[in-house]
Amino acid sequence: MMKSLCYLIYLMPVVLAENICEKRSSIVYQDYTADEWVESQESTWGNTEKCVLFYTSNRQNRDLQRVLPSEVENITGVSSFNISLKTIFLIHGWKSVYNSTYNLMLGNAYLDVRDVNIIYIDWDKWANIFYPISVYLLSRVGEYIGQFINEISATFNYSLENIELVGHSLGAHICGYVGGATNSAISSITGLDPAKPGFSKYHPESRLSPDDAQYVQVIHTAGLMVGSSYTVGDADYIPNGGCTQPGCCLLKPICDHDRSYLYFIESLRSDQFIAKKCESYDDYLAGQYKNDPQIIMGGAAVNRTLFGKYCLKTNSTSPFSLGDIGL
């Protein structure tokens, strides 16, 4: 993990300089352009059907069961998927896997507090390669997931209002592409520290944005290096300023990056991440908003009435929420 992190830090000056999704022809990997490299892999493991897999679980059966997009009509027979429940898709980030500790913690936390279907997206093969190529492939991943969702909707008359997406890092931007493939009709997207390298504030079509779902909420925790430092949702939460997190070493930004996971997981079982609407974290610390209304970051049910930027403080260790003490 540390080796991968060092590589990302080394890569950052390159990818920060441009929006990868707008400059695909300039990406070179193993003497190929991005398009040529992807085409060269099609016969081995480059095919989307081989590289984007779906696993479902719910309260009745928490064991992960693979489902095939080509057999959507049989999904209720071959898995525990229940069309009477809402469905939450969990999408991991770069150098991660669908059954990582944090992703499984998130899925199980949801099942502890809500009776829903959980679908884990496995795009491991494309998430564990050269970072710019992973970024380049995000649109393929998102569009494929969107097709799967549209098939479920058409086959079972399943409303897209029943669909929620949660994505970490690059997974947050995949959620944006899923939104595009579903005409932004899905209920909500929760972005957990959307990745910064390779994305531009000025190209919302190539990253997560408020237009990708009926409602988009985002938690920013590593804006200093690996996470997005600008607002990308309807509601953007800025714990501890959103750049670094207490208890994390400056030389290990992956700790800050992963805090978005841990804060959100804790929030599913707690209503103590108390925040206030703010223009800047410095003003928040100065007490400028002390008389303003309190709101709750995260939570098991998405609060779609909140818009703007929200600031809060957290503890340096679990439990991270501070309740009124943090105000």
Protein backbone atom coordinates (compact mmCIF):
# COMPACT_ATOMS: atom_id res chain seq x y z
CA MET A 1 0.00 0.00 0.00
CA MET A 2 2.82 2.43 0.88
CA LYS A 3 4.60 1.66 -2.39
CA SER A 4 1.43 2.43 -4.32
CA LEU A 5 0.99 5.66 -2.38
CA CYS A 6 4.54 6.79 -3.13
CA TYR A 7 3.91 6.07 -6.79
CA LEU A 8 0.76 8.17 -6.74
CA ILE A 9 2.62 11.06 -5.10
CA TYR A 10 5.34 10.76 -7.75
CA LEU A 11 2.71 10.79 -10.47
CA MET A 12 0.74 13.71 -9.08
CA PRO A 13 2.67 16.60 -10.70
CA VAL A 14 1.91 15.06 -14.08
CA VAL A 15 -1.78 14.37 -13.64
CA LEU A 16 -2.49 17.60 -11.79
CA ALA A 17 -1.40 19.51 -14.87
CA GLU A 18 -4.21 18.30 -17.08
CA ASN A 19 -7.61 16.71 -17.17
CA ILE A 20 -6.83 13.15 -18.25
CA CYS A 21 -10.29 12.52 -19.62
CA GLU A 22 -9.89 15.48 -21.98
CA LYS A 23 -6.37 14.47 -23.11
CA ARG A 24 -6.66 10.74 -23.66
CA SER A 25 -4.54 10.67 -26.81
CA SER A 26 -1.56 12.07 -24.86
CA ILE A 27 -1.44 9.27 -22.26
CA VAL A 28 1.41 6.86 -22.99
CA TYR A 29 1.83 3.56 -21.15
CA GLN A 30 4.20 0.73 -22.15
CA ASP A 31 4.82 2.59 -25.45
CA TYR A 32 1.08 2.65 -26.22
CA THR A 33 -1.38 5.52 -26.19
CA ALA A 34 -4.29 4.86 -23.84
CA ASP A 35 -6.56 3.84 -26.73
CA GLU A 36 -3.93 1.48 -28.17
CA TRP A 37 -3.14 -0.07 -24.80
CA VAL A 38 -6.79 -0.76 -23.99
CA GLU A 39 -7.30 -2.27 -27.45
CA SER A 40 -4.21 -4.47 -26.99
CA GLN A 41 -5.72 -5.91 -23.80
CA GLU A 42 -9.14 -6.76 -25.21
CA SER A 43 -8.17 -10.34 -26.06
CA THR A 44 -6.84 -11.04 -22.56
CA TRP A 45 -8.61 -9.15 -19.79
CA GLY A 46 -9.50 -5.82 -21.36
CA ASN A 47 -13.12 -6.75 -22.00
CA THR A 48 -15.55 -4.81 -19.79
CA GLU A 49 -17.61 -7.91 -19.00
CA LYS A 50 -14.49 -9.57 -17.58
CA CYS A 51 -13.31 -6.55 -15.64
CA VAL A 52 -16.49 -5.15 -14.09
CA LEU A 53 -18.28 -7.68 -11.90
CA PHE A 54 -21.31 -7.42 -9.61
CA TYR A 55 -21.84 -9.02 -6.19
CA THR A 56 -25.04 -8.68 -4.19
CA SER A 57 -26.03 -9.20 -0.56
CA ASN A 58 -28.78 -8.17 1.86
CA ARG A 59 -29.98 -8.91 5.38
CA GLN A 60 -31.34 -12.31 4.39
CA ASN A 61 -27.95 -13.39 3.03
CA ARG A 62 -24.86 -11.31 3.71
CA ASP A 63 -22.64 -13.66 1.72
CA LEU A 64 -21.59 -12.00 -1.53
CA GLN A 65 -23.18 -13.62 -4.58
CA ARG A 66 -22.07 -12.80 -8.10
CA VAL A 67 -24.77 -11.75 -10.56
CA LEU A 68 -24.38 -11.50 -14.34
CA PRO A 69 -25.66 -8.47 -16.26
CA SER A 70 -26.48 -10.80 -19.16
CA GLU A 71 -28.91 -12.68 -16.89
CA VAL A 72 -30.68 -9.79 -15.17
CA GLU A 73 -34.06 -11.46 -15.60
CA ASN A 74 -32.85 -14.25 -13.28
CA ILE A 75 -31.28 -12.02 -10.63
CA THR A 76 -33.98 -12.70 -8.03
CA GLY A 77 -33.67 -16.45 -8.54
CA VAL A 78 -29.89 -16.86 -8.51
CA SER A 79 -29.17 -14.35 -5.74
CA SER A 80 -30.74 -12.77 -2.68
CA PHE A 81 -31.59 -9.60 -4.63
CA ASN A 82 -35.06 -8.41 -3.57
CA ILE A 83 -36.91 -6.06 -5.93
CA SER A 84 -39.10 -4.82 -3.07
CA LEU A 85 -36.05 -3.21 -1.42
CA LYS A 86 -34.00 -0.17 -2.30
CA THR A 87 -30.50 -0.84 -3.63
CA ILE A 88 -27.16 0.72 -2.74
CA PHE A 89 -24.16 0.29 -5.05
CA LEU A 90 -20.70 0.49 -3.46
CA ILE A 91 -17.79 1.39 -5.75
CA HIS A 92 -14.18 1.23 -4.54
CA GLY A 93 -11.27 3.39 -5.64
CA TRP A 94 -7.79 3.04 -7.14
CA LYS A 95 -5.46 0.35 -5.78
CA SER A 96 -8.37 -1.18 -3.91
CA VAL A 97 -10.72 -4.14 -4.27
CA TYR A 98 -14.46 -4.67 -3.94
CA ASN A 99 -14.09 -6.80 -0.81
CA SER A 100 -11.64 -4.54 1.00
CA THR A 101 -12.02 -4.18 4.75
CA TYR A 102 -13.53 -0.69 4.48
CA ASN A 103 -15.91 -1.57 1.66
CA LEU A 104 -17.25 -4.60 3.54
CA MET A 105 -17.50 -2.51 6.72
CA LEU A 106 -19.58 0.00 4.78
CA GLY A 107 -21.87 -2.64 3.30
CA ASN A 108 -22.44 -4.32 6.65
CA ALA A 109 -23.03 -0.98 8.38
CA TYR A 110 -25.77 -0.23 5.86
CA LEU A 111 -27.37 -3.63 6.46
CA ASP A 112 -27.28 -3.05 10.21
CA VAL A 113 -29.40 0.09 9.89
CA ARG A 114 -31.37 -0.33 6.65
CA ASP A 115 -33.17 -3.23 4.98
CA VAL A 116 -31.68 -2.83 1.49
CA ASN A 117 -29.89 -4.67 -1.29
CA ILE A 118 -26.15 -4.01 -1.43
CA ILE A 119 -24.34 -4.42 -4.75
CA TYR A 120 -20.55 -4.36 -4.62
CA ILE A 121 -18.87 -3.33 -7.86
CA ASP A 122 -15.67 -5.25 -8.60
CA TRP A 123 -13.50 -3.32 -11.07
CA ASP A 124 -10.30 -4.55 -9.42
CA LYS A 125 -8.43 -5.37 -12.63
CA TRP A 126 -8.74 -1.86 -13.97
CA ALA A 127 -8.28 -0.23 -10.56
CA ASN A 128 -4.85 -1.76 -9.97
CA ILE A 129 -2.94 -0.54 -13.01
CA PHE A 130 -1.17 2.67 -14.09
CA TYR A 131 -3.24 5.50 -12.60
CA PRO A 132 -3.91 7.50 -15.81
CA ILE A 133 -5.14 4.34 -17.54
CA SER A 134 -7.48 3.64 -14.62
CA VAL A 135 -8.82 7.18 -14.95
CA TYR A 136 -9.20 6.72 -18.70
CA LEU A 137 -11.30 3.58 -18.13
CA LEU A 138 -13.71 5.14 -15.63
CA SER A 139 -16.25 6.03 -18.30
CA ARG A 140 -16.38 2.39 -19.45
CA VAL A 141 -16.93 1.19 -15.90
CA GLY A 142 -19.62 3.76 -15.16
CA GLU A 143 -21.50 3.26 -18.41
CA TYR A 144 -21.48 -0.53 -17.92
CA ILE A 145 -22.90 -0.16 -14.41
CA GLY A 146 -25.49 2.25 -15.77
CA GLN A 147 -26.55 -0.29 -18.39
CA PHE A 148 -26.94 -2.90 -15.65
CA ILE A 149 -29.12 -0.53 -13.62
CA ASN A 150 -31.23 0.33 -16.66
CA GLU A 151 -31.74 -3.39 -17.35
CA ILE A 152 -32.96 -3.99 -13.79
CA SER A 153 -35.27 -0.99 -14.08
CA ALA A 154 -36.73 -2.14 -17.41
CA THR A 155 -37.03 -5.82 -16.46
CA PHE A 156 -38.73 -5.36 -13.08
CA ASN A 157 -40.25 -1.88 -13.48
CA TYR A 158 -37.80 -0.94 -10.73
CA SER A 159 -37.72 2.81 -10.18
CA LEU A 160 -34.35 4.54 -10.36
CA GLU A 161 -35.57 6.46 -7.31
CA ASN A 162 -34.72 3.24 -5.43
CA ILE A 163 -31.04 3.40 -6.44
CA GLU A 164 -28.28 5.02 -4.37
CA LEU A 165 -24.57 5.06 -5.20
CA VAL A 166 -21.61 5.39 -2.86
CA GLY A 167 -18.11 5.71 -4.30
CA HIS A 168 -14.66 6.31 -2.81
CA SER A 169 -11.85 8.14 -4.62
CA LEU A 170 -12.01 7.14 -8.31
CA GLY A 171 -15.17 5.24 -7.40
CA ALA A 172 -16.84 8.58 -6.71
CA HIS A 173 -16.14 9.69 -10.28
CA ILE A 174 -17.42 6.36 -11.59
CA CYS A 175 -20.69 7.26 -9.86
CA GLY A 176 -20.76 10.36 -12.02
CA TYR A 177 -20.55 8.29 -15.19
CA VAL A 178 -23.26 5.97 -13.87
CA GLY A 179 -25.42 9.04 -13.41
CA GLY A 180 -24.85 10.05 -17.00
CA ALA A 181 -25.80 6.59 -18.23
CA THR A 182 -29.05 6.71 -16.25
CA ASN A 183 -30.04 10.25 -17.26
CA SER A 184 -29.28 11.50 -13.74
CA ALA A 185 -32.47 9.82 -12.50
CA ILE A 186 -30.95 7.81 -9.65
CA SER A 187 -31.87 9.00 -6.19
CA SER A 188 -28.51 9.98 -4.75
CA ILE A 189 -24.74 9.74 -4.96
CA THR A 190 -22.43 9.90 -1.96
CA GLY A 191 -18.87 10.74 -2.95
CA LEU A 192 -16.22 9.80 -0.40
CA ASP A 193 -13.21 12.05 -1.03
CA PRO A 194 -13.37 12.06 -4.86
CA ALA A 195 -9.90 11.76 -6.37
CA LYS A 196 -8.13 14.95 -7.44
CA PRO A 197 -5.27 13.85 -9.78
CA GLY A 198 -6.38 13.86 -13.39
CA PHE A 199 -9.60 15.82 -12.89
CA SER A 200 -10.43 19.45 -13.47
CA LYS A 201 -12.75 21.81 -11.65
CA TYR A 202 -13.69 23.16 -15.06
CA HIS A 203 -14.70 19.86 -16.71
CA PRO A 204 -17.68 18.55 -14.67
CA GLU A 205 -18.67 16.18 -17.47
CA SER A 206 -15.53 14.14 -16.73
CA ARG A 207 -15.93 13.91 -12.95
CA LEU A 208 -18.56 13.73 -10.24
CA SER A 209 -20.85 16.77 -10.30
CA PRO A 210 -24.25 17.84 -8.90
CA ASP A 211 -25.88 17.03 -12.24
CA ASP A 212 -25.19 13.28 -11.97
CA ALA A 213 -28.14 12.34 -9.73
CA GLN A 214 -31.18 13.85 -8.11
CA TYR A 215 -28.90 14.66 -5.16
CA VAL A 216 -25.13 14.49 -4.66
CA GLN A 217 -23.40 14.73 -1.28
CA VAL A 218 -19.63 14.65 -0.82
CA ILE A 219 -17.22 14.26 2.11
CA HIS A 220 -13.77 15.83 1.54
CA THR A 221 -10.87 14.64 3.69
CA ALA A 222 -7.60 14.70 1.69
CA GLY A 223 -7.79 17.83 -0.43
CA LEU A 224 -4.14 18.69 0.21
CA MET A 225 -2.89 15.95 -2.13
CA VAL A 226 -5.09 13.10 -3.33
CA GLY A 227 -8.67 14.27 -2.85
CA SER A 228 -10.70 16.96 -4.55
CA SER A 229 -10.26 20.33 -2.86
CA TYR A 230 -13.16 22.04 -4.64
CA THR A 231 -16.89 21.47 -4.22
CA VAL A 232 -18.42 18.88 -6.54
CA GLY A 233 -21.80 18.11 -4.94
CA ASP A 234 -25.07 19.67 -3.91
CA ALA A 235 -23.76 19.42 -0.35
CA ASP A 236 -20.02 19.28 0.38
CA TYR A 237 -18.81 18.41 3.88
CA ILE A 238 -15.40 19.69 4.96
CA PRO A 239 -14.32 17.89 8.15
CA ASN A 240 -11.30 19.60 9.73
CA GLY A 241 -10.90 21.81 6.67
CA GLY A 242 -11.05 18.91 4.22
CA CYS A 243 -7.31 18.78 3.50
CA THR A 244 -5.70 16.77 6.30
CA GLN A 245 -7.24 14.89 9.20
CA PRO A 246 -6.25 14.77 12.89
CA GLY A 247 -4.37 11.61 13.74
CA CYS A 248 -2.97 11.22 10.19
CA CYS A 249 0.68 11.79 9.28
CA LEU A 250 1.33 14.39 6.57
CA LEU A 251 3.52 11.86 4.73
CA LYS A 252 0.70 9.31 4.59
CA PRO A 253 -2.14 11.06 2.74
CA ILE A 254 -3.88 7.73 2.19
CA CYS A 255 -4.83 7.97 5.88
CA ASP A 256 -6.63 11.25 5.20
CA HIS A 257 -8.17 9.77 2.04
CA ASP A 258 -9.56 6.75 3.88
CA ARG A 259 -11.00 8.84 6.70
CA SER A 260 -13.92 9.67 4.40
CA TYR A 261 -14.80 5.96 4.51
CA LEU A 262 -14.49 5.80 8.30
CA TYR A 263 -16.45 9.00 8.95
CA PHE A 264 -19.27 7.90 6.68
CA ILE A 265 -19.39 4.37 8.11
CA GLU A 266 -19.62 5.80 11.63
CA SER A 267 -22.28 8.29 10.54
CA LEU A 268 -24.59 5.46 9.49
CA ARG A 269 -24.91 4.51 13.15
CA SER A 270 -24.45 7.95 14.71
CA ASP A 271 -26.06 11.37 14.44
CA GLN A 272 -23.15 13.11 16.14
CA PHE A 273 -21.23 14.50 13.14
CA ILE A 274 -22.68 17.95 13.75
CA ALA A 275 -21.78 20.56 11.12
CA LYS A 276 -22.68 24.10 10.18
CA LYS A 277 -23.01 25.80 6.84
CA CYS A 278 -19.85 27.78 6.13
CA GLU A 279 -17.94 29.76 3.53
CA SER A 280 -14.52 28.81 4.91
CA TYR A 281 -13.14 26.57 7.63
CA ASP A 282 -11.13 29.45 9.12
CA ASP A 283 -14.32 31.45 9.59
CA TYR A 284 -15.93 28.36 11.13
CA LEU A 285 -13.06 28.03 13.63
CA ALA A 286 -13.36 31.72 14.43
CA GLY A 287 -16.95 31.12 15.52
CA GLN A 288 -18.54 33.14 12.76
CA TYR A 289 -21.33 30.58 12.38
CA LYS A 290 -21.87 29.74 16.07
CA ASN A 291 -25.49 30.93 16.03
CA ASP A 292 -26.38 29.20 12.75
CA PRO A 293 -28.50 26.01 12.56
CA GLN A 294 -26.84 22.65 13.17
CA ILE A 295 -27.05 19.86 10.61
CA ILE A 296 -25.84 16.25 10.58
CA MET A 297 -23.19 14.96 8.16
CA GLY A 298 -23.93 11.57 6.63
CA GLY A 299 -26.51 9.31 8.16
CA ALA A 300 -28.33 6.18 7.07
CA ALA A 301 -30.86 8.15 5.03
CA VAL A 302 -29.68 10.87 2.67
CA ASN A 303 -30.97 14.32 3.64
CA ARG A 304 -31.72 15.85 0.26
CA THR A 305 -32.71 19.25 1.68
CA LEU A 306 -29.13 20.42 2.35
CA PHE A 307 -27.19 22.52 -0.16
CA GLY A 308 -23.84 24.28 0.09
CA LYS A 309 -20.63 23.77 2.05
CA TYR A 310 -20.64 22.48 5.64
CA CYS A 311 -17.79 22.53 8.16
CA LEU A 312 -17.17 20.40 11.24
CA LYS A 313 -14.45 19.07 13.50
CA THR A 314 -13.76 15.43 14.36
CA ASN A 315 -11.78 13.43 16.87
CA SER A 316 -8.38 11.99 15.89
CA THR A 317 -9.43 8.43 16.73
CA SER A 318 -12.62 6.39 16.65
CA PRO A 319 -15.26 7.34 17.57
CA PHE A 320 -14.58 10.31 15.32
CA SER A 321 -17.82 12.24 15.85
CA LEU A 322 -17.70 14.94 18.51
CA GLY A 323 -21.33 15.95 18.82
CA ASP A 324 -21.85 19.35 20.45
CA ILE A 325 -18.28 19.27 21.78
CA GLY A 326 -17.00 19.90 18.26
CA LEU A 327 -18.92 23.15 17.82
